[in-house]
C-alpha atoms as a PDB file:
ATOM      1  CA  UNK A   1      17.049  11.604  -6.160  1.00  0.00           C
ATOM      2  CA  UNK A   2      14.735   8.723  -5.981  1.00  0.00           C
ATOM      3  CA  UNK A   3      15.732   5.877  -7.584  1.00  0.00           C
ATOM      4  CA  UNK A   4      12.812   5.411 -10.822  1.00  0.00           C
ATOM      5  CA  UNK A   5       9.700   3.626 -10.276  1.00  0.00           C
ATOM      6  CA  UNK A   6      10.313   4.168  -6.077  1.00  0.00           C
ATOM      7  CA  UNK A   7       8.915   6.842  -3.899  1.00  0.00           C
ATOM      8  CA  UNK A   8      10.797   9.453  -3.331  1.00  0.00           C
ATOM      9  CA  UNK A   9      12.341   9.646   0.335  1.00  0.00           C
ATOM     10  CA  UNK A  10      11.342  13.521   0.176  1.00  0.00           C
ATOM     11  CA  UNK A  11       7.691  12.659   0.156  1.00  0.00           C
ATOM     12  CA  UNK A  12       7.148  10.107   2.899  1.00  0.00           C
ATOM     13  CA  UNK A  13       9.156  12.252   4.695  1.00  0.00           C
ATOM     14  CA  UNK A  14       7.166  15.737   4.328  1.00  0.00           C
ATOM     15  CA  UNK A  15       4.627  13.350   4.442  1.00  0.00           C
ATOM     16  CA  UNK A  16       5.537  10.903   7.455  1.00  0.00           C
ATOM     17  CA  UNK A  17       5.713  14.750   9.194  1.00  0.00           C
ATOM     18  CA  UNK A  18       2.416  16.378   8.413  1.00  0.00           C
ATOM     19  CA  UNK A  19       0.597  13.646   9.206  1.00  0.00           C
ATOM     20  CA  UNK A  20       2.154  12.811  12.229  1.00  0.00           C
ATOM     21  CA  UNK A  21       1.844  16.336  12.986  1.00  0.00           C
ATOM     22  CA  UNK A  22      -1.888  16.416  11.869  1.00  0.00           C
ATOM     23  CA  UNK A  23      -2.498  13.244  14.909  1.00  0.00           C
ATOM     24  CA  UNK A  24      -0.423  15.774  17.212  1.00  0.00           C
ATOM     25  CA  UNK A  25       2.071  12.301  18.340  1.00  0.00           C
ATOM     26  CA  UNK A  26       5.202  12.898  19.280  1.00  0.00           C
ATOM     27  CA  UNK A  27       7.837  10.578  16.569  1.00  0.00           C
ATOM     28  CA  UNK A  28       8.377   7.753  19.767  1.00  0.00           C
ATOM     29  CA  UNK A  29       4.570   7.717  20.073  1.00  0.00           C
ATOM     30  CA  UNK A  30       3.756   7.085  16.158  1.00  0.00           C
ATOM     31  CA  UNK A  31       6.989   4.308  16.082  1.00  0.00           C
ATOM     32  CA  UNK A  32       4.839   2.560  18.903  1.00  0.00           C
ATOM     33  CA  UNK A  33       1.870   2.396  17.453  1.00  0.00           C
ATOM     34  CA  UNK A  34       3.839   1.684  14.141  1.00  0.00           C
ATOM     35  CA  UNK A  35       5.176  -1.007  15.816  1.00  0.00           C
ATOM     36  CA  UNK A  36       8.933   0.113  14.147  1.00  0.00           C
ATOM     37  CA  UNK A  37      11.937   1.194  14.932  1.00  0.00           C
ATOM     38  CA  UNK A  38      12.951   4.742  16.364  1.00  0.00           C
ATOM     39  CA  UNK A  39      15.409   5.011  14.346  1.00  0.00           C
ATOM     40  CA  UNK A  40      14.125   3.028  11.108  1.00  0.00           C
ATOM     41  CA  UNK A  41      11.211   6.296  11.621  1.00  0.00           C
ATOM     42  CA  UNK A  42      13.330   8.866  12.595  1.00  0.00           C
ATOM     43  CA  UNK A  43      15.812   7.795   9.086  1.00  0.00           C
ATOM     44  CA  UNK A  44      12.268   8.267   7.217  1.00  0.00           C
ATOM     45  CA  UNK A  45      10.934  11.508   8.764  1.00  0.00           C
ATOM     46  CA  UNK A  46      14.461  12.676   7.515  1.00  0.00           C
ATOM     47  CA  UNK A  47      14.743  11.871   4.213  1.00  0.00           C
ATOM     48  CA  UNK A  48      16.360   9.190   4.616  1.00  0.00           C
ATOM     49  CA  UNK A  49      15.884   4.872   4.711  1.00  0.00           C
ATOM     50  CA  UNK A  50      14.643   2.665   2.309  1.00  0.00           C
ATOM     51  CA  UNK A  51      11.082   1.753   3.590  1.00  0.00           C
ATOM     52  CA  UNK A  52       9.779  -1.330   2.270  1.00  0.00           C
ATOM     53  CA  UNK A  53       4.855  -1.927   1.771  1.00  0.00           C
ATOM     54  CA  UNK A  54       5.034  -3.072   5.760  1.00  0.00           C
ATOM     55  CA  UNK A  55       6.739  -0.131   7.485  1.00  0.00           C
ATOM     56  CA  UNK A  56       5.327   1.441   5.120  1.00  0.00           C
ATOM     57  CA  UNK A  57       1.416   0.170   5.417  1.00  0.00           C
ATOM     58  CA  UNK A  58       1.369  -0.124   9.392  1.00  0.00           C
ATOM     59  CA  UNK A  59       2.357   3.922   9.317  1.00  0.00           C
ATOM     60  CA  UNK A  60      -0.257   4.455   7.274  1.00  0.00           C
ATOM     61  CA  UNK A  61      -2.934   2.911   9.438  1.00  0.00           C
ATOM     62  CA  UNK A  62      -1.497   3.719  12.711  1.00  0.00           C
ATOM     63  CA  UNK A  63      -1.573   7.712  11.530  1.00  0.00           C
ATOM     64  CA  UNK A  64      -5.567   6.716  10.384  1.00  0.00           C
ATOM     65  CA  UNK A  65      -4.875   7.132   6.349  1.00  0.00           C
ATOM     66  CA  UNK A  66      -4.413   5.235   3.075  1.00  0.00           C
ATOM     67  CA  UNK A  67      -0.804   4.419   2.316  1.00  0.00           C
ATOM     68  CA  UNK A  68      -0.526   6.475  -0.758  1.00  0.00           C
ATOM     69  CA  UNK A  69      -0.954   9.763   1.419  1.00  0.00           C
ATOM     70  CA  UNK A  70       2.487   8.641   2.390  1.00  0.00           C
ATOM     71  CA  UNK A  71       3.802   7.895  -1.272  1.00  0.00           C
ATOM     72  CA  UNK A  72       1.537  10.182  -3.553  1.00  0.00           C
ATOM     73  CA  UNK A  73       2.607  13.545  -4.769  1.00  0.00           C
ATOM     74  CA  UNK A  74       0.630  15.789  -5.121  1.00  0.00           C
ATOM     75  CA  UNK A  75      -0.453  15.470  -8.878  1.00  0.00           C
ATOM     76  CA  UNK A  76      -1.362  17.833 -11.685  1.00  0.00           C
ATOM     77  CA  UNK A  77      -5.058  18.116 -13.743  1.00  0.00           C
ATOM     78  CA  UNK A  78      -4.170  15.036 -15.660  1.00  0.00           C
ATOM     79  CA  UNK A  79      -2.349  11.773 -14.637  1.00  0.00           C
ATOM     80  CA  UNK A  80      -0.664   9.249 -16.483  1.00  0.00           C
ATOM     81  CA  UNK A  81       1.779   6.732 -15.365  1.00  0.00           C
ATOM     82  CA  UNK A  82       2.948   4.701 -18.718  1.00  0.00           C
ATOM     83  CA  UNK A  83       2.974   0.825 -17.993  1.00  0.00           C
ATOM     84  CA  UNK A  84       6.265  -0.494 -16.102  1.00  0.00           C
ATOM     85  CA  UNK A  85       6.091   3.254 -13.997  1.00  0.00           C
ATOM     86  CA  UNK A  86       4.870   4.399 -10.415  1.00  0.00           C
ATOM     87  CA  UNK A  87       5.599   4.734  -7.241  1.00  0.00           C
ATOM     88  CA  UNK A  88       6.216   1.270  -6.335  1.00  0.00           C
ATOM     89  CA  UNK A  89       6.384  -0.702  -2.706  1.00  0.00           C
ATOM     90  CA  UNK A  90       7.222  -4.406  -2.486  1.00  0.00           C
ATOM     91  CA  UNK A  91       6.664  -6.708   0.322  1.00  0.00           C
ATOM     92  CA  UNK A  92       9.259  -8.260   2.908  1.00  0.00           C
ATOM     93  CA  UNK A  93       7.550 -10.773   3.097  1.00  0.00           C
ATOM     94  CA  UNK A  94       6.258 -12.553  -0.435  1.00  0.00           C
ATOM     95  CA  UNK A  95       7.090 -11.744  -3.925  1.00  0.00           C
ATOM     96  CA  UNK A  96       4.592  -8.608  -4.501  1.00  0.00           C
ATOM     97  CA  UNK A  97       5.279  -5.261  -5.900  1.00  0.00           C
ATOM     98  CA  UNK A  98       1.694  -2.266  -5.579  1.00  0.00           C
ATOM     99  CA  UNK A  99       2.390   0.438  -8.323  1.00  0.00           C
ATOM    100  CA  UNK A 100       0.243   3.026  -6.523  1.00  0.00           C
ATOM    101  CA  UNK A 101      -1.560   4.506  -9.355  1.00  0.00           C
ATOM    102  CA  UNK A 102      -4.282   6.560  -8.297  1.00  0.00           C
ATOM    103  CA  UNK A 103      -4.334   8.320  -4.743  1.00  0.00           C
ATOM    104  CA  UNK A 104      -7.732   9.510  -3.659  1.00  0.00           C
ATOM    105  CA  UNK A 105      -8.048  13.206  -2.901  1.00  0.00           C
ATOM    106  CA  UNK A 106      -8.850  14.228   0.235  1.00  0.00           C
ATOM    107  CA  UNK A 107     -12.973  13.882  -0.059  1.00  0.00           C
ATOM    108  CA  UNK A 108     -12.222  11.045  -1.900  1.00  0.00           C
ATOM    109  CA  UNK A 109     -10.637   8.113  -0.239  1.00  0.00           C
ATOM    110  CA  UNK A 110      -9.960   5.008  -2.704  1.00  0.00           C
ATOM    111  CA  UNK A 111      -6.547   4.360  -3.760  1.00  0.00           C
ATOM    112  CA  UNK A 112      -5.457   2.194  -7.268  1.00  0.00           C
ATOM    113  CA  UNK A 113      -2.696   0.309  -7.497  1.00  0.00           C
ATOM    114  CA  UNK A 114      -1.361  -1.910 -10.184  1.00  0.00           C
ATOM    115  CA  UNK A 115      -0.199  -4.988  -8.909  1.00  0.00           C
ATOM    116  CA  UNK A 116       2.641  -8.266  -9.547  1.00  0.00           C
ATOM    117  CA  UNK A 117       2.875 -11.148  -7.517  1.00  0.00           C
ATOM    118  CA  UNK A 118       4.724 -14.400  -8.218  1.00  0.00           C
ATOM    119  CA  UNK A 119       3.809 -17.439  -5.990  1.00  0.00           C
ATOM    120  CA  UNK A 120       5.224 -18.920  -3.210  1.00  0.00           C
ATOM    121  CA  UNK A 121       5.383 -16.384  -0.388  1.00  0.00           C
ATOM    122  CA  UNK A 122       1.846 -15.156   0.905  1.00  0.00           C
ATOM    123  CA  UNK A 123       1.500 -11.045   1.113  1.00  0.00           C
ATOM    124  CA  UNK A 124      -0.076 -11.422   5.082  1.00  0.00           C
ATOM    125  CA  UNK A 125      -2.217  -7.983   5.752  1.00  0.00           C
ATOM    126  CA  UNK A 126      -3.836  -6.683   8.537  1.00  0.00           C
ATOM    127  CA  UNK A 127      -6.544  -5.405   8.807  1.00  0.00           C
ATOM    128  CA  UNK A 128      -6.853  -1.637   8.124  1.00  0.00           C
ATOM    129  CA  UNK A 129      -8.851   1.044   9.010  1.00  0.00           C
ATOM    130  CA  UNK A 130     -12.117   0.107  10.222  1.00  0.00           C
ATOM    131  CA  UNK A 131     -14.625   0.045   7.348  1.00  0.00           C
ATOM    132  CA  UNK A 132     -11.899  -0.161   4.955  1.00  0.00           C
ATOM    133  CA  UNK A 133     -12.838  -2.013   1.318  1.00  0.00           C
ATOM    134  CA  UNK A 134     -10.662  -3.166  -0.979  1.00  0.00           C
ATOM    135  CA  UNK A 135     -11.380  -4.639  -4.937  1.00  0.00           C
ATOM    136  CA  UNK A 136      -9.345  -6.865  -6.848  1.00  0.00           C
ATOM    137  CA  UNK A 137      -9.614  -7.460 -10.555  1.00  0.00           C
ATOM    138  CA  UNK A 138      -7.339  -9.289 -11.620  1.00  0.00           C
ATOM    139  CA  UNK A 139      -4.985  -8.998 -15.255  1.00  0.00           C
ATOM    140  CA  UNK A 140      -3.019 -12.012 -16.080  1.00  0.00           C
ATOM    141  CA  UNK A 141      -2.197 -14.848 -13.974  1.00  0.00           C
ATOM    142  CA  UNK A 142      -4.058 -16.383 -11.029  1.00  0.00           C
ATOM    143  CA  UNK A 143      -4.688 -15.459  -7.047  1.00  0.00           C
ATOM    144  CA  UNK A 144      -6.273 -16.497  -4.061  1.00  0.00           C
ATOM    145  CA  UNK A 145      -7.800 -13.564  -2.421  1.00  0.00           C
ATOM    146  CA  UNK A 146      -9.829 -12.468   0.033  1.00  0.00           C
ATOM    147  CA  UNK A 147      -9.666 -12.497   4.043  1.00  0.00           C
ATOM    148  CA  UNK A 148      -8.969 -15.429   6.190  1.00  0.00           C
ATOM    149  CA  UNK A 149     -12.447 -16.618   6.261  1.00  0.00           C
ATOM    150  CA  UNK A 150     -13.041 -16.292   2.848  1.00  0.00           C
ATOM    151  CA  UNK A 151     -10.507 -16.259   0.352  1.00  0.00           C
ATOM    152  CA  UNK A 152     -11.600 -16.918  -3.185  1.00  0.00           C
ATOM    153  CA  UNK A 153      -9.210 -18.136  -6.617  1.00  0.00           C
ATOM    154  CA  UNK A 154      -9.908 -15.326  -9.245  1.00  0.00           C
ATOM    155  CA  UNK A 155      -8.486 -16.335 -13.323  1.00  0.00           C
ATOM    156  CA  UNK A 156      -8.613 -13.694 -15.482  1.00  0.00           C
ATOM    157  CA  UNK A 157     -10.893 -10.826 -15.594  1.00  0.00           C
ATOM    158  CA  UNK A 158     -12.529 -12.297 -12.265  1.00  0.00           C
ATOM    159  CA  UNK A 159     -13.270  -9.392  -9.608  1.00  0.00           C
ATOM    160  CA  UNK A 160     -13.781 -10.275  -6.128  1.00  0.00           C
ATOM    161  CA  UNK A 161     -14.855  -7.139  -2.992  1.00  0.00           C
ATOM    162  CA  UNK A 162     -14.223  -8.265   0.502  1.00  0.00           C
ATOM    163  CA  UNK A 163     -13.433  -6.216   3.723  1.00  0.00           C
ATOM    164  CA  UNK A 164     -10.014  -4.500   4.558  1.00  0.00           C
ATOM    165  CA  UNK A 165     -11.020  -4.102   7.760  1.00  0.00           C
ATOM    166  CA  UNK A 166      -9.960  -7.644   8.473  1.00  0.00           C
ATOM    167  CA  UNK A 167      -7.282  -9.810   7.926  1.00  0.00           C
ATOM    168  CA  UNK A 168      -6.201 -10.555   5.070  1.00  0.00           C
ATOM    169  CA  UNK A 169      -4.335 -12.194   2.131  1.00  0.00           C
ATOM    170  CA  UNK A 170      -2.731 -11.907  -1.477  1.00  0.00           C
ATOM    171  CA  UNK A 171      -1.026 -15.200  -3.156  1.00  0.00           C
ATOM    172  CA  UNK A 172      -0.179 -15.839  -6.515  1.00  0.00           C
ATOM    173  CA  UNK A 173      -1.088 -18.494  -8.624  1.00  0.00           C
ATOM    174  CA  UNK A 174       0.792 -18.463 -11.174  1.00  0.00           C
ATOM    175  CA  UNK A 175       3.740 -16.195 -13.085  1.00  0.00           C
ATOM    176  CA  UNK A 176       3.595 -13.063 -13.548  1.00  0.00           C
ATOM    177  CA  UNK A 177       0.350 -12.804 -12.044  1.00  0.00           C
ATOM    178  CA  UNK A 178      -1.084  -9.008 -12.046  1.00  0.00           C
ATOM    179  CA  UNK A 179      -4.806  -7.826 -10.989  1.00  0.00           C
ATOM    180  CA  UNK A 180      -5.334  -4.393  -9.475  1.00  0.00           C
ATOM    181  CA  UNK A 181      -6.521  -3.754  -6.271  1.00  0.00           C
ATOM    182  CA  UNK A 182      -8.849  -0.997  -5.255  1.00  0.00           C
ATOM    183  CA  UNK A 183      -8.525   0.247  -1.531  1.00  0.00           C
ATOM    184  CA  UNK A 184     -11.764   2.606  -0.844  1.00  0.00           C
ATOM    185  CA  UNK A 185     -11.888   4.210   2.783  1.00  0.00           C
ATOM    186  CA  UNK A 186     -13.971   5.796   4.840  1.00  0.00           C
END
């Protein structure tokens, strides 16, 4: 059984196999497209390993699906995520944690995350699926966010939206920064 708050490896393994087969590519081809070691991908599909948000995002991009499709199990009619719980994934490159609150249904491609950031290393993100849009609302602290060419500083209650299909970044300006991120995918 997975540690509380982390995506269950069995869900990730099944989703990777399902999405890879849907696209019709081999393990080797997916590893190449995602720039992930084939052995890492093989371990993930076998239900072992410890994937970071960066690895999962690279795999989701290579498969052309939102990250939520790889980590979120089917949900019941009423879905509650209590504060401090949920499927959390950490970045390897920054003190950045994303908690998936709601995955878009098959006809609606939108995901909602609660993100927690700390000052220090910047969370950089490669371009997502063409046409993706990100929406950010800051709940506490402050963040510098957006594409390289148009970053903005946001404080509590501030909202910004920007193209998610261009490289972008998230940088905490204060300790304990918390924001809600809504990602729309075409």
